N, C-alpha and C. Protein backbone atom coordinates (compact mmCIF):
# COMPACT_ATOMS: atom_id res chain seq x y z
N UNK A 1 32.65 -8.18 -152.72
CA UNK A 1 32.20 -8.83 -151.51
C UNK A 1 32.84 -8.15 -150.32
N UNK A 2 32.05 -7.90 -149.28
CA UNK A 2 32.56 -7.30 -148.06
C UNK A 2 33.41 -8.28 -147.27
N UNK A 3 34.19 -7.74 -146.36
CA UNK A 3 35.06 -8.59 -145.55
C UNK A 3 34.45 -8.90 -144.19
N UNK A 4 33.24 -8.40 -143.94
CA UNK A 4 32.58 -8.64 -142.67
C UNK A 4 32.03 -10.06 -142.65
N UNK A 5 32.38 -10.85 -141.63
CA UNK A 5 31.82 -12.20 -141.55
C UNK A 5 30.30 -12.16 -141.44
N UNK A 6 29.65 -13.15 -142.00
CA UNK A 6 28.19 -13.24 -141.96
C UNK A 6 27.74 -13.91 -140.66
N UNK A 7 26.56 -13.51 -140.23
CA UNK A 7 25.96 -14.16 -139.05
C UNK A 7 25.04 -15.28 -139.54
N UNK A 8 25.00 -16.37 -138.79
CA UNK A 8 24.06 -17.45 -139.08
C UNK A 8 22.95 -17.39 -138.05
N UNK A 9 21.74 -17.14 -138.53
CA UNK A 9 20.57 -17.05 -137.66
C UNK A 9 19.73 -18.30 -137.88
N UNK A 10 19.46 -19.02 -136.80
CA UNK A 10 18.65 -20.23 -136.92
C UNK A 10 17.21 -19.88 -137.25
N UNK A 11 16.63 -20.65 -138.17
CA UNK A 11 15.25 -20.46 -138.59
C UNK A 11 14.34 -21.47 -137.90
N UNK A 12 13.07 -21.11 -137.77
CA UNK A 12 12.09 -22.04 -137.21
C UNK A 12 11.81 -23.16 -138.20
N UNK A 13 11.23 -24.22 -137.72
CA UNK A 13 10.83 -25.33 -138.60
C UNK A 13 9.89 -24.84 -139.69
N UNK A 14 8.90 -24.02 -139.30
CA UNK A 14 7.93 -23.52 -140.26
C UNK A 14 8.61 -22.68 -141.34
N UNK A 15 9.48 -21.74 -140.94
CA UNK A 15 10.16 -20.88 -141.89
C UNK A 15 11.10 -21.69 -142.78
N UNK A 16 11.77 -22.68 -142.21
CA UNK A 16 12.67 -23.54 -142.98
C UNK A 16 11.90 -24.28 -144.07
N UNK A 17 10.77 -24.88 -143.73
CA UNK A 17 9.98 -25.62 -144.73
C UNK A 17 9.39 -24.68 -145.77
N UNK A 18 9.02 -23.46 -145.34
CA UNK A 18 8.51 -22.47 -146.29
C UNK A 18 9.58 -22.13 -147.32
N UNK A 19 10.80 -21.86 -146.85
CA UNK A 19 11.90 -21.53 -147.77
C UNK A 19 12.22 -22.72 -148.67
N UNK A 20 12.23 -23.92 -148.10
CA UNK A 20 12.50 -25.12 -148.89
C UNK A 20 11.49 -25.25 -150.03
N UNK A 21 10.25 -24.93 -149.74
CA UNK A 21 9.20 -24.99 -150.76
C UNK A 21 9.27 -23.88 -151.78
N UNK A 22 10.09 -22.85 -151.54
CA UNK A 22 10.18 -21.73 -152.46
C UNK A 22 11.16 -21.97 -153.61
N UNK A 23 11.92 -23.06 -153.55
CA UNK A 23 12.85 -23.41 -154.63
C UNK A 23 12.49 -24.80 -155.14
N UNK A 24 12.93 -25.11 -156.36
CA UNK A 24 12.54 -26.39 -156.94
C UNK A 24 13.69 -27.38 -157.04
N UNK A 25 14.86 -26.99 -156.55
CA UNK A 25 16.04 -27.82 -156.73
C UNK A 25 16.77 -28.00 -155.40
N UNK A 26 17.19 -29.22 -155.12
CA UNK A 26 17.95 -29.51 -153.90
C UNK A 26 18.82 -30.73 -154.10
N UNK A 27 19.30 -31.29 -153.01
CA UNK A 27 20.19 -32.45 -153.05
C UNK A 27 19.70 -33.49 -152.04
N UNK A 28 19.56 -34.72 -152.50
CA UNK A 28 19.19 -35.81 -151.61
C UNK A 28 20.47 -36.58 -151.24
N UNK A 29 20.59 -36.89 -149.96
CA UNK A 29 21.75 -37.61 -149.45
C UNK A 29 21.25 -38.94 -148.90
N UNK A 30 21.85 -40.04 -149.38
CA UNK A 30 21.43 -41.38 -148.97
C UNK A 30 22.66 -42.26 -148.89
N UNK A 31 22.49 -43.48 -148.43
CA UNK A 31 23.61 -44.42 -148.32
C UNK A 31 23.54 -45.40 -149.48
N UNK A 32 24.69 -45.58 -150.13
CA UNK A 32 24.79 -46.55 -151.22
C UNK A 32 26.07 -47.34 -151.02
N UNK A 33 25.93 -48.64 -150.91
CA UNK A 33 27.06 -49.54 -150.64
C UNK A 33 27.83 -49.07 -149.41
N UNK A 34 27.09 -48.73 -148.38
CA UNK A 34 27.62 -48.31 -147.07
C UNK A 34 28.37 -46.98 -147.11
N UNK A 35 28.22 -46.21 -148.18
CA UNK A 35 28.88 -44.92 -148.29
C UNK A 35 27.84 -43.83 -148.58
N UNK A 36 28.11 -42.59 -148.16
CA UNK A 36 27.16 -41.52 -148.47
C UNK A 36 27.18 -41.20 -149.97
N UNK A 37 26.00 -40.95 -150.51
CA UNK A 37 25.84 -40.56 -151.91
C UNK A 37 24.93 -39.34 -151.96
N UNK A 38 25.18 -38.46 -152.91
CA UNK A 38 24.41 -37.22 -153.05
C UNK A 38 23.96 -37.11 -154.50
N UNK A 39 22.69 -36.75 -154.70
CA UNK A 39 22.17 -36.53 -156.05
C UNK A 39 21.41 -35.21 -156.09
N UNK A 40 21.65 -34.39 -157.10
CA UNK A 40 20.81 -33.20 -157.29
C UNK A 40 19.44 -33.65 -157.79
N UNK A 41 18.40 -32.95 -157.34
CA UNK A 41 17.05 -33.44 -157.65
C UNK A 41 16.03 -32.32 -157.48
N UNK A 42 14.96 -32.37 -158.26
CA UNK A 42 13.87 -31.41 -158.07
C UNK A 42 12.92 -31.96 -157.02
N UNK A 43 12.17 -31.05 -156.40
CA UNK A 43 11.30 -31.45 -155.29
C UNK A 43 10.13 -30.47 -155.16
N UNK A 44 9.17 -30.88 -154.36
CA UNK A 44 8.12 -29.98 -153.88
C UNK A 44 7.95 -30.25 -152.39
N UNK A 45 7.43 -29.26 -151.69
CA UNK A 45 7.07 -29.43 -150.28
C UNK A 45 5.56 -29.40 -150.22
N UNK A 46 4.98 -30.45 -149.64
CA UNK A 46 3.53 -30.56 -149.59
C UNK A 46 3.12 -31.13 -148.25
N UNK A 47 2.25 -30.43 -147.55
CA UNK A 47 1.75 -30.87 -146.25
C UNK A 47 2.89 -31.21 -145.29
N UNK A 48 3.95 -30.41 -145.31
CA UNK A 48 5.06 -30.61 -144.38
C UNK A 48 6.01 -31.73 -144.75
N UNK A 49 5.82 -32.35 -145.93
CA UNK A 49 6.74 -33.39 -146.38
C UNK A 49 7.42 -32.93 -147.66
N UNK A 50 8.55 -33.57 -147.97
CA UNK A 50 9.28 -33.28 -149.20
C UNK A 50 9.03 -34.45 -150.15
N UNK A 51 8.64 -34.14 -151.39
CA UNK A 51 8.35 -35.18 -152.38
C UNK A 51 9.32 -35.00 -153.55
N UNK A 52 9.94 -36.13 -153.96
CA UNK A 52 10.91 -36.12 -155.07
C UNK A 52 10.63 -37.29 -156.00
N UNK A 53 11.09 -37.14 -157.24
CA UNK A 53 11.12 -38.26 -158.18
C UNK A 53 12.57 -38.63 -158.37
N UNK A 54 12.87 -39.92 -158.28
CA UNK A 54 14.28 -40.32 -158.34
C UNK A 54 14.40 -41.74 -158.85
N UNK A 55 15.61 -42.10 -159.14
CA UNK A 55 15.97 -43.49 -159.35
C UNK A 55 17.23 -43.72 -158.53
N UNK A 56 17.02 -44.15 -157.30
CA UNK A 56 18.14 -44.35 -156.39
C UNK A 56 18.60 -45.79 -156.35
N UNK A 57 17.85 -46.67 -156.98
CA UNK A 57 18.22 -48.08 -157.00
C UNK A 57 17.48 -48.88 -155.95
N UNK A 58 17.18 -50.11 -156.27
CA UNK A 58 16.40 -50.97 -155.39
C UNK A 58 17.10 -51.20 -154.06
N UNK A 59 18.44 -51.23 -154.08
CA UNK A 59 19.16 -51.50 -152.83
C UNK A 59 19.05 -50.33 -151.85
N UNK A 60 18.71 -49.17 -152.34
CA UNK A 60 18.62 -48.00 -151.46
C UNK A 60 17.31 -47.98 -150.71
N UNK A 61 16.23 -48.28 -151.40
CA UNK A 61 14.91 -48.19 -150.78
C UNK A 61 14.30 -49.57 -150.57
N UNK A 62 14.15 -49.95 -149.35
CA UNK A 62 13.40 -51.16 -149.04
C UNK A 62 11.93 -50.77 -148.93
N UNK A 63 11.06 -51.74 -148.80
CA UNK A 63 9.64 -51.45 -148.68
C UNK A 63 9.34 -50.56 -147.47
N UNK A 64 10.14 -50.67 -146.42
CA UNK A 64 9.86 -49.90 -145.22
C UNK A 64 10.48 -48.51 -145.26
N UNK A 65 11.32 -48.22 -146.25
CA UNK A 65 11.90 -46.89 -146.36
C UNK A 65 13.32 -46.85 -145.84
N UNK A 66 13.91 -45.67 -145.94
CA UNK A 66 15.29 -45.48 -145.54
C UNK A 66 15.45 -44.03 -145.06
N UNK A 67 16.37 -43.82 -144.13
CA UNK A 67 16.63 -42.46 -143.66
C UNK A 67 17.51 -41.74 -144.67
N UNK A 68 17.09 -40.54 -145.05
CA UNK A 68 17.83 -39.70 -145.99
C UNK A 68 17.91 -38.29 -145.44
N UNK A 69 18.77 -37.50 -146.04
CA UNK A 69 18.79 -36.06 -145.78
C UNK A 69 18.47 -35.37 -147.10
N UNK A 70 17.89 -34.20 -147.01
CA UNK A 70 17.59 -33.40 -148.19
C UNK A 70 18.00 -31.97 -147.88
N UNK A 71 18.76 -31.36 -148.80
CA UNK A 71 19.26 -30.00 -148.58
C UNK A 71 18.95 -29.14 -149.78
N UNK A 72 18.57 -27.90 -149.51
CA UNK A 72 18.42 -26.89 -150.56
C UNK A 72 18.86 -25.56 -149.97
N UNK A 73 19.26 -24.67 -150.85
CA UNK A 73 19.70 -23.36 -150.37
C UNK A 73 19.52 -22.33 -151.45
N UNK A 74 19.66 -21.11 -151.06
CA UNK A 74 19.67 -19.99 -151.99
C UNK A 74 20.64 -18.97 -151.39
N UNK A 75 21.88 -19.01 -151.87
CA UNK A 75 22.94 -18.17 -151.32
C UNK A 75 23.56 -17.37 -152.46
N UNK A 76 23.61 -16.06 -152.29
CA UNK A 76 24.22 -15.19 -153.29
C UNK A 76 25.72 -15.47 -153.34
N UNK A 77 26.25 -15.83 -154.52
CA UNK A 77 27.66 -16.20 -154.60
C UNK A 77 28.63 -15.04 -154.36
N UNK A 78 28.20 -13.82 -154.60
CA UNK A 78 29.09 -12.68 -154.40
C UNK A 78 29.01 -12.15 -152.97
N UNK A 79 27.81 -12.04 -152.44
CA UNK A 79 27.62 -11.44 -151.12
C UNK A 79 27.60 -12.45 -149.97
N UNK A 80 27.42 -13.72 -150.31
CA UNK A 80 27.33 -14.79 -149.31
C UNK A 80 26.19 -14.55 -148.32
N UNK A 81 25.09 -14.05 -148.82
CA UNK A 81 23.87 -13.87 -148.05
C UNK A 81 22.82 -14.83 -148.59
N UNK A 82 21.94 -15.32 -147.72
CA UNK A 82 20.89 -16.23 -148.16
C UNK A 82 20.51 -17.19 -147.06
N UNK A 83 20.13 -18.40 -147.46
CA UNK A 83 19.67 -19.39 -146.49
C UNK A 83 20.04 -20.79 -146.95
N UNK A 84 19.99 -21.72 -145.99
CA UNK A 84 20.22 -23.14 -146.25
C UNK A 84 19.32 -23.93 -145.31
N UNK A 85 18.70 -24.98 -145.85
CA UNK A 85 17.80 -25.84 -145.05
C UNK A 85 18.17 -27.29 -145.29
N UNK A 86 18.22 -28.05 -144.21
CA UNK A 86 18.46 -29.50 -144.29
C UNK A 86 17.34 -30.19 -143.52
N UNK A 87 16.70 -31.16 -144.17
CA UNK A 87 15.73 -32.01 -143.47
C UNK A 87 16.28 -33.44 -143.47
N UNK A 88 16.06 -34.12 -142.39
CA UNK A 88 16.45 -35.52 -142.26
C UNK A 88 15.23 -36.30 -141.83
N UNK A 89 14.98 -37.42 -142.50
CA UNK A 89 13.81 -38.21 -142.15
C UNK A 89 13.70 -39.46 -143.00
N UNK A 90 12.62 -40.17 -142.78
CA UNK A 90 12.37 -41.43 -143.47
C UNK A 90 11.77 -41.17 -144.85
N UNK A 91 12.41 -41.72 -145.88
CA UNK A 91 11.89 -41.65 -147.25
C UNK A 91 11.17 -42.96 -147.55
N UNK A 92 9.94 -42.84 -148.00
CA UNK A 92 9.16 -44.02 -148.37
C UNK A 92 8.64 -43.86 -149.79
N UNK A 93 8.44 -44.98 -150.44
CA UNK A 93 7.88 -44.96 -151.79
C UNK A 93 6.42 -44.55 -151.75
N UNK A 94 6.03 -43.71 -152.69
CA UNK A 94 4.61 -43.40 -152.90
C UNK A 94 4.11 -44.47 -153.85
N UNK A 95 3.12 -45.24 -153.42
CA UNK A 95 2.67 -46.39 -154.20
C UNK A 95 1.29 -46.20 -154.84
N UNK A 96 0.49 -45.29 -154.31
CA UNK A 96 -0.84 -45.07 -154.85
C UNK A 96 -0.72 -44.55 -156.29
N UNK A 97 -1.30 -45.26 -157.27
CA UNK A 97 -1.15 -44.87 -158.69
C UNK A 97 -1.62 -43.44 -158.99
N UNK A 98 -2.69 -43.00 -158.35
CA UNK A 98 -3.18 -41.64 -158.59
C UNK A 98 -2.19 -40.60 -158.05
N UNK A 99 -1.65 -40.86 -156.86
CA UNK A 99 -0.66 -39.94 -156.30
C UNK A 99 0.61 -39.91 -157.15
N UNK A 100 1.06 -41.09 -157.57
CA UNK A 100 2.26 -41.18 -158.40
C UNK A 100 2.06 -40.37 -159.69
N UNK A 101 0.93 -40.55 -160.35
CA UNK A 101 0.65 -39.83 -161.59
C UNK A 101 0.63 -38.32 -161.35
N UNK A 102 0.03 -37.90 -160.25
CA UNK A 102 -0.02 -36.47 -159.92
C UNK A 102 1.38 -35.90 -159.71
N UNK A 103 2.22 -36.61 -158.94
CA UNK A 103 3.58 -36.13 -158.68
C UNK A 103 4.44 -36.18 -159.95
N UNK A 104 4.19 -37.14 -160.81
CA UNK A 104 4.93 -37.19 -162.08
C UNK A 104 4.62 -35.96 -162.94
N UNK A 105 3.39 -35.45 -162.85
CA UNK A 105 3.04 -34.22 -163.57
C UNK A 105 3.68 -33.00 -162.91
N UNK A 106 3.73 -32.99 -161.59
CA UNK A 106 4.26 -31.83 -160.86
C UNK A 106 5.78 -31.77 -160.86
N UNK A 107 6.43 -32.92 -160.88
CA UNK A 107 7.89 -32.99 -160.75
C UNK A 107 8.51 -33.42 -162.08
N UNK A 108 8.75 -32.47 -162.93
CA UNK A 108 9.37 -32.74 -164.23
C UNK A 108 10.87 -32.87 -164.05
N UNK A 109 11.48 -33.96 -164.54
CA UNK A 109 12.94 -34.12 -164.42
C UNK A 109 13.68 -33.04 -165.21
N UNK A 110 14.84 -32.65 -164.73
CA UNK A 110 15.67 -31.66 -165.40
C UNK A 110 16.66 -32.31 -166.35
N UNK A 111 16.88 -33.61 -166.17
CA UNK A 111 17.86 -34.32 -167.00
C UNK A 111 17.22 -35.58 -167.57
N UNK A 112 17.84 -36.13 -168.62
CA UNK A 112 17.36 -37.38 -169.20
C UNK A 112 17.59 -38.52 -168.23
N UNK A 113 16.85 -39.57 -168.43
CA UNK A 113 17.01 -40.76 -167.60
C UNK A 113 15.73 -41.09 -166.86
N UNK A 114 15.68 -42.28 -166.35
CA UNK A 114 14.49 -42.74 -165.66
C UNK A 114 14.40 -42.15 -164.27
N UNK A 115 13.20 -41.75 -163.91
CA UNK A 115 12.88 -41.29 -162.56
C UNK A 115 11.64 -42.06 -162.15
N UNK A 116 11.84 -43.35 -161.91
CA UNK A 116 10.68 -44.22 -161.76
C UNK A 116 10.15 -44.31 -160.33
N UNK A 117 10.83 -43.70 -159.40
CA UNK A 117 10.37 -43.75 -158.02
C UNK A 117 9.89 -42.37 -157.58
N UNK A 118 8.77 -42.34 -156.89
CA UNK A 118 8.32 -41.12 -156.22
C UNK A 118 8.49 -41.39 -154.74
N UNK A 119 9.25 -40.51 -154.09
CA UNK A 119 9.56 -40.68 -152.67
C UNK A 119 8.97 -39.54 -151.86
N UNK A 120 8.48 -39.88 -150.70
CA UNK A 120 7.99 -38.87 -149.75
C UNK A 120 8.92 -38.92 -148.54
N UNK A 121 9.50 -37.78 -148.21
CA UNK A 121 10.40 -37.68 -147.06
C UNK A 121 9.63 -36.99 -145.93
N UNK A 122 9.49 -37.70 -144.82
CA UNK A 122 8.84 -37.15 -143.63
C UNK A 122 9.92 -36.55 -142.74
N UNK A 123 10.03 -35.21 -142.70
CA UNK A 123 11.10 -34.60 -141.93
C UNK A 123 10.98 -34.86 -140.43
N UNK A 124 12.01 -35.46 -139.87
CA UNK A 124 12.09 -35.62 -138.41
C UNK A 124 12.93 -34.50 -137.82
N UNK A 125 14.04 -34.20 -138.48
CA UNK A 125 14.90 -33.08 -138.09
C UNK A 125 14.86 -32.04 -139.19
N UNK A 126 14.64 -30.79 -138.82
CA UNK A 126 14.64 -29.69 -139.78
C UNK A 126 15.59 -28.63 -139.24
N UNK A 127 16.63 -28.34 -140.02
CA UNK A 127 17.62 -27.35 -139.62
C UNK A 127 17.70 -26.30 -140.71
N UNK A 128 17.47 -25.06 -140.35
CA UNK A 128 17.56 -23.97 -141.31
C UNK A 128 18.32 -22.81 -140.75
N UNK A 129 19.13 -22.17 -141.63
CA UNK A 129 19.92 -21.01 -141.23
C UNK A 129 19.81 -19.92 -142.27
N UNK A 130 19.72 -18.71 -141.81
CA UNK A 130 19.76 -17.53 -142.66
C UNK A 130 21.13 -16.89 -142.48
N UNK A 131 21.80 -16.60 -143.58
CA UNK A 131 23.08 -15.89 -143.53
C UNK A 131 22.80 -14.42 -143.70
N UNK A 132 23.13 -13.61 -142.70
CA UNK A 132 22.84 -12.18 -142.73
C UNK A 132 24.11 -11.39 -142.43
N UNK A 133 24.03 -10.07 -142.63
CA UNK A 133 25.18 -9.21 -142.35
C UNK A 133 25.30 -8.91 -140.88
């Protein structure tokens, strides 16, 4: 690894969402018992929204939704080059049975356990950075 510090270049909203959609794994950040909680999770980006399957618990998601953050990145561990994107917005349950079935086919869980909720995150804030030399 070089000793030259990396530059952080801010990415556009469009480029950030494009990069976010290029990977299948990220982290959802939500509040649980008044404290921040983070879960690794698979996702897709569709029509400018982030869709995930999760089991975050009934107390996390009310019918009207909850504000969450979602982060994904692709950073080379040796060179420290790559990108990171964070979206913050309202997560709501996907309730339409046809949509739920479609997302259940598209979003296969990586680990055992129930993933009974399909959530759609509408990004209000999108922050993306490219780490370059």
